[in-house]
Amino acid sequence: MVIILAKTWEQLEEIQPVVLRMLKNSMIKDRLAHASLFEGMKGTGKRDAGILLAKSILCLSPKENYIPCETCLNCKRVNSGNHPDVHIIEPDGLSIKKGQIQSLQEEFSKTSVESKRKLYLIIHADRMTVNAGNSLLKFLEEPHPHTIAILITELVQQILPTILSRCQTISFKSLSPQKII
């Protein structure tokens, strides 16, 4: 069961105001990192923030340069999980395997299908095998233009230090009991 905490930027601001401010400033200044690591406890809105960021990047009619309109074709396709320039990698069984990262690299060596940018989210990045992590490292060291990586983890200490050094870490704070309710 997936619990959606933040479907909009306003909802994200309620639960993660510091994260929202960082992402908003990066987008307004057009200085998004090519690789970000969203880390924090389960249920803090990391995945939702990644999806919101994807919509903001790909939206055809953003409000205030960063708020997705939610009505254009790109926003709808990101919401439904079938935008060709957004790729989500999750563990295949217990781990993310080297083959999954290699498939991702092949996909990103091609030009964008419909937009100027491509984005990939790696959910549970801490579950990458060592070989997968090393494959991803090469990808992070030589980023493709207009490609954005978002790694999501609850266990930041399990991420290879070399990967950590190439990502902007964004920490999601635990939610208060009032926010959970």
N, C-alpha and C. Protein backbone atom coordinates (compact mmCIF):
# COMPACT_ATOMS: atom_id res chain seq x y z
N MET A 1 0.84 -1.18 0.00
CA MET A 1 0.00 0.00 0.00
C MET A 1 0.89 1.24 0.00
N VAL A 2 0.63 2.15 -0.93
CA VAL A 2 1.39 3.39 -1.03
C VAL A 2 0.58 4.52 -0.41
N ILE A 3 1.18 5.21 0.53
CA ILE A 3 0.53 6.35 1.15
C ILE A 3 1.09 7.61 0.51
N ILE A 4 0.21 8.39 -0.09
CA ILE A 4 0.65 9.62 -0.72
C ILE A 4 0.48 10.75 0.28
N LEU A 5 1.59 11.33 0.66
CA LEU A 5 1.56 12.42 1.64
C LEU A 5 1.46 13.78 0.97
N ALA A 6 2.17 13.94 -0.13
CA ALA A 6 2.28 15.27 -0.73
C ALA A 6 2.06 15.18 -2.23
N LYS A 7 0.83 15.45 -2.65
CA LYS A 7 0.53 15.45 -4.07
C LYS A 7 0.84 16.79 -4.71
N THR A 8 0.91 17.84 -3.89
CA THR A 8 1.15 19.19 -4.41
C THR A 8 2.30 19.84 -3.64
N TRP A 9 2.82 20.94 -4.20
CA TRP A 9 3.88 21.68 -3.51
C TRP A 9 3.39 22.24 -2.19
N GLU A 10 2.11 22.62 -2.15
CA GLU A 10 1.56 23.16 -0.91
C GLU A 10 1.56 22.09 0.18
N GLN A 11 1.19 20.87 -0.18
CA GLN A 11 1.19 19.77 0.79
C GLN A 11 2.61 19.42 1.21
N LEU A 12 3.56 19.48 0.27
CA LEU A 12 4.95 19.22 0.62
C LEU A 12 5.45 20.28 1.59
N GLU A 13 5.04 21.52 1.37
CA GLU A 13 5.47 22.60 2.26
C GLU A 13 4.97 22.37 3.69
N GLU A 14 3.79 21.79 3.83
CA GLU A 14 3.25 21.51 5.16
C GLU A 14 4.08 20.47 5.90
N ILE A 15 4.55 19.44 5.19
CA ILE A 15 5.25 18.35 5.88
C ILE A 15 6.77 18.47 5.82
N GLN A 16 7.31 19.13 4.80
CA GLN A 16 8.76 19.26 4.64
C GLN A 16 9.11 20.66 4.15
N PRO A 17 8.93 21.71 4.98
CA PRO A 17 9.16 23.08 4.51
C PRO A 17 10.60 23.36 4.08
N VAL A 18 11.58 22.78 4.75
CA VAL A 18 12.98 23.02 4.39
C VAL A 18 13.29 22.39 3.03
N VAL A 19 12.81 21.19 2.81
CA VAL A 19 13.01 20.52 1.51
C VAL A 19 12.37 21.33 0.41
N LEU A 20 11.15 21.77 0.62
CA LEU A 20 10.46 22.56 -0.39
C LEU A 20 11.25 23.81 -0.73
N ARG A 21 11.74 24.50 0.28
CA ARG A 21 12.51 25.73 0.05
C ARG A 21 13.76 25.45 -0.78
N MET A 22 14.46 24.36 -0.45
CA MET A 22 15.68 24.02 -1.20
C MET A 22 15.36 23.72 -2.67
N LEU A 23 14.35 22.89 -2.90
CA LEU A 23 14.00 22.52 -4.28
C LEU A 23 13.48 23.72 -5.05
N LYS A 24 12.64 24.51 -4.42
CA LYS A 24 12.07 25.70 -5.06
C LYS A 24 13.19 26.66 -5.48
N ASN A 25 14.12 26.96 -4.57
CA ASN A 25 15.22 27.87 -4.90
C ASN A 25 16.09 27.32 -6.02
N SER A 26 16.33 26.02 -6.01
CA SER A 26 17.14 25.40 -7.07
C SER A 26 16.46 25.52 -8.42
N MET A 27 15.14 25.33 -8.45
CA MET A 27 14.42 25.42 -9.72
C MET A 27 14.33 26.86 -10.21
N ILE A 28 14.03 27.78 -9.31
CA ILE A 28 13.91 29.18 -9.71
C ILE A 28 15.24 29.70 -10.27
N LYS A 29 16.34 29.30 -9.65
CA LYS A 29 17.66 29.73 -10.11
C LYS A 29 18.22 28.85 -11.22
N ASP A 30 17.44 27.84 -11.64
CA ASP A 30 17.86 26.87 -12.66
C ASP A 30 19.20 26.23 -12.30
N ARG A 31 19.30 25.79 -11.03
CA ARG A 31 20.53 25.20 -10.53
C ARG A 31 20.27 23.86 -9.86
N LEU A 32 19.38 23.07 -10.42
CA LEU A 32 19.13 21.74 -9.87
C LEU A 32 20.37 20.88 -10.03
N ALA A 33 20.70 20.16 -9.00
CA ALA A 33 21.85 19.25 -9.07
C ALA A 33 21.55 18.14 -10.06
N HIS A 34 22.58 17.63 -10.72
CA HIS A 34 22.35 16.53 -11.64
C HIS A 34 22.04 15.23 -10.89
N ALA A 35 22.39 15.19 -9.61
CA ALA A 35 22.10 14.01 -8.79
C ALA A 35 21.78 14.46 -7.36
N SER A 36 20.64 14.01 -6.87
CA SER A 36 20.24 14.32 -5.49
C SER A 36 19.95 13.04 -4.75
N LEU A 37 20.23 13.04 -3.47
CA LEU A 37 19.93 11.91 -2.61
C LEU A 37 18.90 12.38 -1.59
N PHE A 38 17.69 11.85 -1.69
CA PHE A 38 16.64 12.16 -0.73
C PHE A 38 16.74 11.11 0.37
N GLU A 39 17.09 11.54 1.58
CA GLU A 39 17.24 10.57 2.67
C GLU A 39 16.39 10.96 3.86
N GLY A 40 15.88 9.95 4.53
CA GLY A 40 15.07 10.18 5.71
C GLY A 40 14.25 8.93 6.01
N MET A 41 13.56 8.98 7.11
CA MET A 41 12.78 7.83 7.55
C MET A 41 11.64 7.53 6.57
N LYS A 42 11.13 6.32 6.66
CA LYS A 42 10.00 5.90 5.84
C LYS A 42 8.80 6.80 6.15
N GLY A 43 8.07 7.15 5.09
CA GLY A 43 6.86 7.94 5.28
C GLY A 43 7.07 9.42 5.42
N THR A 44 8.22 9.93 5.01
CA THR A 44 8.48 11.37 5.15
C THR A 44 8.23 12.14 3.85
N GLY A 45 7.80 11.46 2.80
CA GLY A 45 7.45 12.14 1.55
C GLY A 45 8.54 12.19 0.51
N LYS A 46 9.57 11.35 0.64
CA LYS A 46 10.69 11.40 -0.31
C LYS A 46 10.25 11.05 -1.74
N ARG A 47 9.53 9.96 -1.88
CA ARG A 47 9.09 9.53 -3.21
C ARG A 47 8.14 10.57 -3.81
N ASP A 48 7.20 11.06 -3.01
CA ASP A 48 6.27 12.06 -3.49
C ASP A 48 7.01 13.32 -3.96
N ALA A 49 8.02 13.72 -3.22
CA ALA A 49 8.81 14.89 -3.61
C ALA A 49 9.52 14.64 -4.94
N GLY A 50 10.01 13.42 -5.14
CA GLY A 50 10.64 13.07 -6.41
C GLY A 50 9.67 13.16 -7.58
N ILE A 51 8.45 12.68 -7.37
CA ILE A 51 7.43 12.75 -8.42
C ILE A 51 7.03 14.21 -8.67
N LEU A 52 6.88 14.98 -7.61
CA LEU A 52 6.57 16.41 -7.77
C LEU A 52 7.68 17.13 -8.54
N LEU A 53 8.91 16.79 -8.24
CA LEU A 53 10.03 17.40 -8.95
C LEU A 53 9.99 17.03 -10.43
N ALA A 54 9.69 15.77 -10.72
CA ALA A 54 9.58 15.33 -12.12
C ALA A 54 8.50 16.14 -12.85
N LYS A 55 7.36 16.30 -12.20
CA LYS A 55 6.29 17.08 -12.83
C LYS A 55 6.72 18.53 -13.03
N SER A 56 7.39 19.10 -12.04
CA SER A 56 7.84 20.49 -12.15
C SER A 56 8.81 20.67 -13.31
N ILE A 57 9.67 19.71 -13.50
CA ILE A 57 10.67 19.79 -14.57
C ILE A 57 10.04 19.63 -15.95
N LEU A 58 9.06 18.75 -16.05
CA LEU A 58 8.48 18.40 -17.34
C LEU A 58 7.18 19.14 -17.68
N CYS A 59 6.61 19.86 -16.72
CA CYS A 59 5.33 20.54 -16.93
C CYS A 59 5.42 21.52 -18.11
N LEU A 60 4.38 21.52 -18.91
CA LEU A 60 4.33 22.40 -20.07
C LEU A 60 3.91 23.82 -19.70
N SER A 61 3.22 24.00 -18.57
CA SER A 61 2.74 25.32 -18.14
C SER A 61 2.92 25.52 -16.65
N PRO A 62 4.17 25.51 -16.16
CA PRO A 62 4.37 25.65 -14.71
C PRO A 62 3.97 27.04 -14.21
N LYS A 63 3.48 27.07 -12.98
CA LYS A 63 3.14 28.33 -12.34
C LYS A 63 4.35 28.77 -11.52
N GLU A 64 4.66 30.03 -11.55
CA GLU A 64 5.79 30.59 -10.78
C GLU A 64 7.10 29.86 -11.05
N ASN A 65 7.28 29.35 -12.24
CA ASN A 65 8.51 28.67 -12.69
C ASN A 65 8.79 27.33 -12.03
N TYR A 66 7.93 26.85 -11.16
CA TYR A 66 8.24 25.56 -10.54
C TYR A 66 7.02 24.74 -10.14
N ILE A 67 5.86 25.33 -10.03
CA ILE A 67 4.67 24.59 -9.60
C ILE A 67 4.01 23.96 -10.82
N PRO A 68 3.92 22.62 -10.85
CA PRO A 68 3.30 21.98 -12.01
C PRO A 68 1.81 22.31 -12.10
N CYS A 69 1.32 22.43 -13.34
CA CYS A 69 -0.07 22.81 -13.55
C CYS A 69 -1.04 21.68 -13.21
N GLU A 70 -0.58 20.46 -13.26
CA GLU A 70 -1.37 19.25 -12.98
C GLU A 70 -2.39 18.93 -14.06
N THR A 71 -2.49 19.75 -15.10
CA THR A 71 -3.50 19.50 -16.13
C THR A 71 -2.91 19.20 -17.51
N CYS A 72 -1.65 19.54 -17.73
CA CYS A 72 -1.06 19.29 -19.04
C CYS A 72 -0.79 17.79 -19.23
N LEU A 73 -0.54 17.41 -20.45
CA LEU A 73 -0.29 16.01 -20.77
C LEU A 73 0.89 15.44 -19.98
N ASN A 74 1.97 16.22 -19.85
CA ASN A 74 3.14 15.72 -19.13
C ASN A 74 2.84 15.47 -17.65
N CYS A 75 2.14 16.38 -17.00
CA CYS A 75 1.79 16.19 -15.58
C CYS A 75 0.93 14.95 -15.41
N LYS A 76 -0.05 14.78 -16.29
CA LYS A 76 -0.94 13.62 -16.20
C LYS A 76 -0.17 12.32 -16.42
N ARG A 77 0.77 12.33 -17.36
CA ARG A 77 1.53 11.11 -17.64
C ARG A 77 2.50 10.77 -16.50
N VAL A 78 3.10 11.79 -15.88
CA VAL A 78 3.95 11.52 -14.72
C VAL A 78 3.10 10.95 -13.59
N ASN A 79 1.93 11.53 -13.37
CA ASN A 79 1.04 11.04 -12.32
C ASN A 79 0.63 9.60 -12.55
N SER A 80 0.41 9.23 -13.80
CA SER A 80 -0.04 7.86 -14.09
C SER A 80 1.14 6.89 -14.21
N GLY A 81 2.36 7.42 -14.16
CA GLY A 81 3.54 6.56 -14.21
C GLY A 81 3.93 6.10 -15.60
N ASN A 82 3.49 6.82 -16.63
CA ASN A 82 3.86 6.39 -17.98
C ASN A 82 4.45 7.49 -18.86
N HIS A 83 5.21 8.39 -18.25
CA HIS A 83 5.93 9.38 -19.05
C HIS A 83 7.23 8.75 -19.53
N PRO A 84 7.51 8.81 -20.84
CA PRO A 84 8.70 8.13 -21.36
C PRO A 84 10.04 8.71 -20.91
N ASP A 85 10.04 9.91 -20.34
CA ASP A 85 11.29 10.53 -19.89
C ASP A 85 11.47 10.48 -18.37
N VAL A 86 10.61 9.73 -17.70
CA VAL A 86 10.72 9.52 -16.25
C VAL A 86 10.84 8.02 -16.01
N HIS A 87 11.91 7.61 -15.38
CA HIS A 87 12.16 6.19 -15.13
C HIS A 87 12.33 5.96 -13.63
N ILE A 88 11.60 4.98 -13.13
CA ILE A 88 11.68 4.64 -11.72
C ILE A 88 12.26 3.24 -11.59
N ILE A 89 13.35 3.13 -10.85
CA ILE A 89 14.01 1.85 -10.60
C ILE A 89 13.75 1.47 -9.16
N GLU A 90 13.27 0.26 -8.97
CA GLU A 90 13.03 -0.27 -7.62
C GLU A 90 13.71 -1.62 -7.52
N PRO A 91 13.95 -2.10 -6.30
CA PRO A 91 14.61 -3.39 -6.16
C PRO A 91 13.87 -4.51 -6.91
N ASP A 92 14.65 -5.33 -7.58
CA ASP A 92 14.13 -6.52 -8.24
C ASP A 92 14.36 -7.66 -7.25
N GLY A 93 13.35 -7.99 -6.48
CA GLY A 93 13.54 -8.92 -5.37
C GLY A 93 14.06 -8.13 -4.18
N LEU A 94 15.19 -8.56 -3.64
CA LEU A 94 15.75 -7.91 -2.46
C LEU A 94 16.71 -6.77 -2.78
N SER A 95 17.16 -6.69 -4.05
CA SER A 95 18.18 -5.68 -4.35
C SER A 95 17.99 -5.10 -5.75
N ILE A 96 18.69 -3.99 -5.98
CA ILE A 96 18.77 -3.39 -7.31
C ILE A 96 20.03 -3.97 -7.93
N LYS A 97 19.87 -4.58 -9.06
CA LYS A 97 20.97 -5.32 -9.69
C LYS A 97 21.67 -4.50 -10.77
N LYS A 98 22.87 -4.94 -11.09
CA LYS A 98 23.69 -4.26 -12.10
C LYS A 98 22.95 -4.15 -13.43
N GLY A 99 22.23 -5.19 -13.81
CA GLY A 99 21.50 -5.18 -15.07
C GLY A 99 20.46 -4.07 -15.13
N GLN A 100 19.82 -3.77 -14.00
CA GLN A 100 18.84 -2.69 -13.96
C GLN A 100 19.51 -1.34 -14.22
N ILE A 101 20.69 -1.14 -13.63
CA ILE A 101 21.42 0.12 -13.83
C ILE A 101 21.93 0.20 -15.27
N GLN A 102 22.39 -0.92 -15.81
CA GLN A 102 22.86 -0.91 -17.20
C GLN A 102 21.72 -0.59 -18.17
N SER A 103 20.53 -1.12 -17.91
CA SER A 103 19.36 -0.81 -18.75
C SER A 103 19.05 0.68 -18.66
N LEU A 104 19.15 1.22 -17.47
CA LEU A 104 18.91 2.64 -17.28
C LEU A 104 19.94 3.47 -18.06
N GLN A 105 21.20 3.06 -18.01
CA GLN A 105 22.25 3.77 -18.73
C GLN A 105 22.00 3.73 -20.24
N GLU A 106 21.57 2.59 -20.73
CA GLU A 106 21.26 2.48 -22.17
C GLU A 106 20.14 3.43 -22.54
N GLU A 107 19.12 3.46 -21.71
CA GLU A 107 17.97 4.33 -21.97
C GLU A 107 18.41 5.79 -21.97
N PHE A 108 19.28 6.16 -21.07
CA PHE A 108 19.67 7.56 -20.96
C PHE A 108 20.75 7.96 -21.95
N SER A 109 21.32 7.01 -22.65
CA SER A 109 22.27 7.37 -23.71
C SER A 109 21.51 7.86 -24.94
N LYS A 110 20.21 7.60 -24.99
CA LYS A 110 19.36 8.07 -26.09
C LYS A 110 18.85 9.47 -25.74
N THR A 111 18.42 10.19 -26.76
CA THR A 111 17.88 11.51 -26.50
C THR A 111 16.49 11.39 -25.88
N SER A 112 16.05 12.45 -25.27
CA SER A 112 14.72 12.47 -24.66
C SER A 112 13.66 12.20 -25.70
N VAL A 113 12.63 11.54 -25.30
CA VAL A 113 11.56 11.20 -26.23
C VAL A 113 10.67 12.40 -26.49
N GLU A 114 10.24 13.07 -25.43
CA GLU A 114 9.26 14.13 -25.61
C GLU A 114 9.67 15.46 -25.02
N SER A 115 10.65 15.50 -24.18
CA SER A 115 11.00 16.75 -23.52
C SER A 115 12.50 16.98 -23.60
N LYS A 116 12.94 18.10 -23.07
CA LYS A 116 14.37 18.42 -23.09
C LYS A 116 15.12 17.69 -22.00
N ARG A 117 14.41 17.23 -20.98
CA ARG A 117 15.07 16.62 -19.83
C ARG A 117 14.57 15.20 -19.59
N LYS A 118 15.42 14.44 -18.92
CA LYS A 118 15.07 13.10 -18.48
C LYS A 118 15.36 13.01 -16.99
N LEU A 119 14.57 12.22 -16.31
CA LEU A 119 14.73 12.10 -14.88
C LEU A 119 14.58 10.65 -14.48
N TYR A 120 15.43 10.21 -13.57
CA TYR A 120 15.24 8.87 -13.03
C TYR A 120 15.28 8.90 -11.52
N LEU A 121 14.43 8.06 -10.93
CA LEU A 121 14.36 7.90 -9.48
C LEU A 121 14.81 6.49 -9.16
N ILE A 122 15.70 6.35 -8.22
CA ILE A 122 16.10 5.03 -7.74
C ILE A 122 15.59 4.90 -6.32
N ILE A 123 14.53 4.11 -6.18
CA ILE A 123 13.88 3.90 -4.89
C ILE A 123 14.67 2.84 -4.12
N HIS A 124 14.88 3.06 -2.85
CA HIS A 124 15.68 2.16 -2.01
C HIS A 124 17.09 2.00 -2.60
N ALA A 125 17.72 3.13 -2.86
CA ALA A 125 19.06 3.13 -3.45
C ALA A 125 20.06 2.38 -2.56
N ASP A 126 19.77 2.27 -1.28
CA ASP A 126 20.66 1.54 -0.36
C ASP A 126 20.66 0.05 -0.65
N ARG A 127 19.74 -0.43 -1.45
CA ARG A 127 19.66 -1.85 -1.76
C ARG A 127 20.38 -2.22 -3.06
N MET A 128 21.16 -1.30 -3.60
CA MET A 128 21.94 -1.62 -4.80
C MET A 128 23.04 -2.60 -4.44
N THR A 129 23.26 -3.57 -5.31
CA THR A 129 24.41 -4.45 -5.12
C THR A 129 25.66 -3.62 -5.33
N VAL A 130 26.80 -4.10 -4.92
CA VAL A 130 28.06 -3.37 -5.11
C VAL A 130 28.30 -3.12 -6.60
N ASN A 131 28.05 -4.15 -7.43
CA ASN A 131 28.24 -3.98 -8.88
C ASN A 131 27.29 -2.92 -9.45
N ALA A 132 26.05 -2.92 -8.98
CA ALA A 132 25.08 -1.91 -9.44
C ALA A 132 25.54 -0.52 -9.01
N GLY A 133 26.00 -0.40 -7.77
CA GLY A 133 26.49 0.88 -7.27
C GLY A 133 27.67 1.39 -8.07
N ASN A 134 28.58 0.50 -8.41
CA ASN A 134 29.74 0.92 -9.21
C ASN A 134 29.33 1.32 -10.62
N SER A 135 28.33 0.64 -11.20
CA SER A 135 27.82 1.04 -12.52
C SER A 135 27.17 2.41 -12.45
N LEU A 136 26.40 2.63 -11.40
CA LEU A 136 25.76 3.93 -11.23
C LEU A 136 26.79 5.03 -11.02
N LEU A 137 27.85 4.72 -10.30
CA LEU A 137 28.89 5.69 -10.03
C LEU A 137 29.46 6.26 -11.33
N LYS A 138 29.74 5.41 -12.28
CA LYS A 138 30.26 5.87 -13.56
C LYS A 138 29.26 6.80 -14.24
N PHE A 139 28.00 6.44 -14.13
CA PHE A 139 26.92 7.24 -14.69
C PHE A 139 26.85 8.61 -14.02
N LEU A 140 27.04 8.66 -12.71
CA LEU A 140 27.00 9.92 -11.97
C LEU A 140 28.23 10.79 -12.23
N GLU A 141 29.37 10.14 -12.48
CA GLU A 141 30.61 10.89 -12.74
C GLU A 141 30.58 11.60 -14.08
N GLU A 142 29.89 11.01 -15.04
CA GLU A 142 29.81 11.58 -16.38
C GLU A 142 28.34 11.77 -16.74
N PRO A 143 27.66 12.71 -16.09
CA PRO A 143 26.22 12.85 -16.32
C PRO A 143 25.91 13.31 -17.75
N HIS A 144 24.84 12.79 -18.26
CA HIS A 144 24.36 13.23 -19.57
C HIS A 144 23.73 14.61 -19.38
N PRO A 145 23.86 15.46 -20.37
CA PRO A 145 23.23 16.78 -20.25
C PRO A 145 21.71 16.62 -20.09
N HIS A 146 21.13 17.44 -19.29
CA HIS A 146 19.68 17.47 -19.09
C HIS A 146 19.13 16.20 -18.43
N THR A 147 19.99 15.49 -17.71
CA THR A 147 19.55 14.30 -16.99
C THR A 147 19.63 14.57 -15.49
N ILE A 148 18.58 14.20 -14.78
CA ILE A 148 18.54 14.40 -13.34
C ILE A 148 18.30 13.06 -12.66
N ALA A 149 19.13 12.78 -11.67
CA ALA A 149 19.02 11.54 -10.90
C ALA A 149 18.53 11.88 -9.50
N ILE A 150 17.58 11.08 -9.02
CA ILE A 150 17.14 11.21 -7.63
C ILE A 150 17.23 9.83 -7.00
N LEU A 151 18.10 9.73 -6.01
CA LEU A 151 18.24 8.48 -5.26
C LEU A 151 17.47 8.65 -3.96
N ILE A 152 16.71 7.65 -3.60
CA ILE A 152 15.87 7.73 -2.41
C ILE A 152 16.26 6.61 -1.46
N THR A 153 16.49 6.95 -0.19
CA THR A 153 16.91 5.94 0.78
C THR A 153 16.44 6.27 2.18
N GLU A 154 16.29 5.23 2.95
CA GLU A 154 16.04 5.37 4.39
C GLU A 154 17.32 5.09 5.16
N LEU A 155 18.31 4.50 4.48
CA LEU A 155 19.56 4.09 5.14
C LEU A 155 20.75 4.72 4.42
N VAL A 156 20.96 6.00 4.63
CA VAL A 156 22.01 6.72 3.92
C VAL A 156 23.39 6.13 4.19
N GLN A 157 23.60 5.54 5.37
CA GLN A 157 24.90 4.97 5.70
C GLN A 157 25.23 3.75 4.84
N GLN A 158 24.26 3.20 4.13
CA GLN A 158 24.51 2.03 3.28
C GLN A 158 24.85 2.41 1.84
N ILE A 159 24.82 3.69 1.53
CA ILE A 159 25.16 4.16 0.18
C ILE A 159 26.68 4.27 0.09
N LEU A 160 27.23 3.84 -1.05
CA LEU A 160 28.68 3.94 -1.24
C LEU A 160 29.14 5.39 -1.05
N PRO A 161 30.21 5.61 -0.31
CA PRO A 161 30.71 6.97 -0.08
C PRO A 161 31.00 7.72 -1.38
N THR A 162 31.45 7.00 -2.40
CA THR A 162 31.76 7.66 -3.68
C THR A 162 30.47 8.15 -4.37
N ILE A 163 29.37 7.45 -4.16
CA ILE A 163 28.09 7.91 -4.70
C ILE A 163 27.61 9.13 -3.90
N LEU A 164 27.72 9.03 -2.57
CA LEU A 164 27.32 10.16 -1.72
C LEU A 164 28.04 11.45 -2.11
N SER A 165 29.31 11.33 -2.44
CA SER A 165 30.11 12.51 -2.75
C SER A 165 29.68 13.18 -4.06
N ARG A 166 28.93 12.48 -4.88
CA ARG A 166 28.50 13.03 -6.17
C ARG A 166 27.05 13.47 -6.18
N CYS A 167 26.40 13.38 -5.03
CA CYS A 167 24.99 13.75 -4.91
C CYS A 167 24.82 14.90 -3.93
N GLN A 168 23.82 15.71 -4.19
CA GLN A 168 23.40 16.71 -3.22
C GLN A 168 22.44 15.99 -2.27
N THR A 169 22.77 15.92 -1.01
CA THR A 169 21.93 15.22 -0.04
C THR A 169 20.87 16.17 0.49
N ILE A 170 19.63 15.71 0.43
CA ILE A 170 18.50 16.47 0.96
C ILE A 170 17.85 15.59 2.01
N SER A 171 17.89 16.08 3.25
CA SER A 171 17.38 15.30 4.38
C SER A 171 15.92 15.63 4.66
N PHE A 172 15.12 14.59 4.73
CA PHE A 172 13.71 14.72 5.05
C PHE A 172 13.55 14.45 6.54
N LYS A 173 12.93 15.37 7.25
CA LYS A 173 12.76 15.25 8.70
C LYS A 173 11.60 14.31 9.03
N SER A 174 11.70 13.66 10.17
CA SER A 174 10.62 12.81 10.66
C SER A 174 9.38 13.68 10.88
N LEU A 175 8.23 13.10 10.63
CA LEU A 175 7.00 13.83 10.82
C LEU A 175 6.55 13.80 12.27
N SER A 176 5.97 14.89 12.71
CA SER A 176 5.44 14.94 14.07
C SER A 176 4.16 14.09 14.12
N PRO A 177 3.78 13.64 15.30
CA PRO A 177 2.52 12.87 15.41
C PRO A 177 1.32 13.62 14.84
N GLN A 178 1.31 14.95 15.00
CA GLN A 178 0.20 15.75 14.46
C GLN A 178 0.15 15.67 12.95
N LYS A 179 1.32 15.70 12.29
CA LYS A 179 1.37 15.61 10.83
C LYS A 179 0.93 14.24 10.35
N ILE A 180 1.32 13.21 11.09
CA ILE A 180 0.94 11.85 10.72
C ILE A 180 -0.57 11.69 10.78
N ILE A 181 -1.18 12.24 11.82
CA ILE A 181 -2.64 12.16 11.97
C ILE A 181 -3.31 12.92 10.84
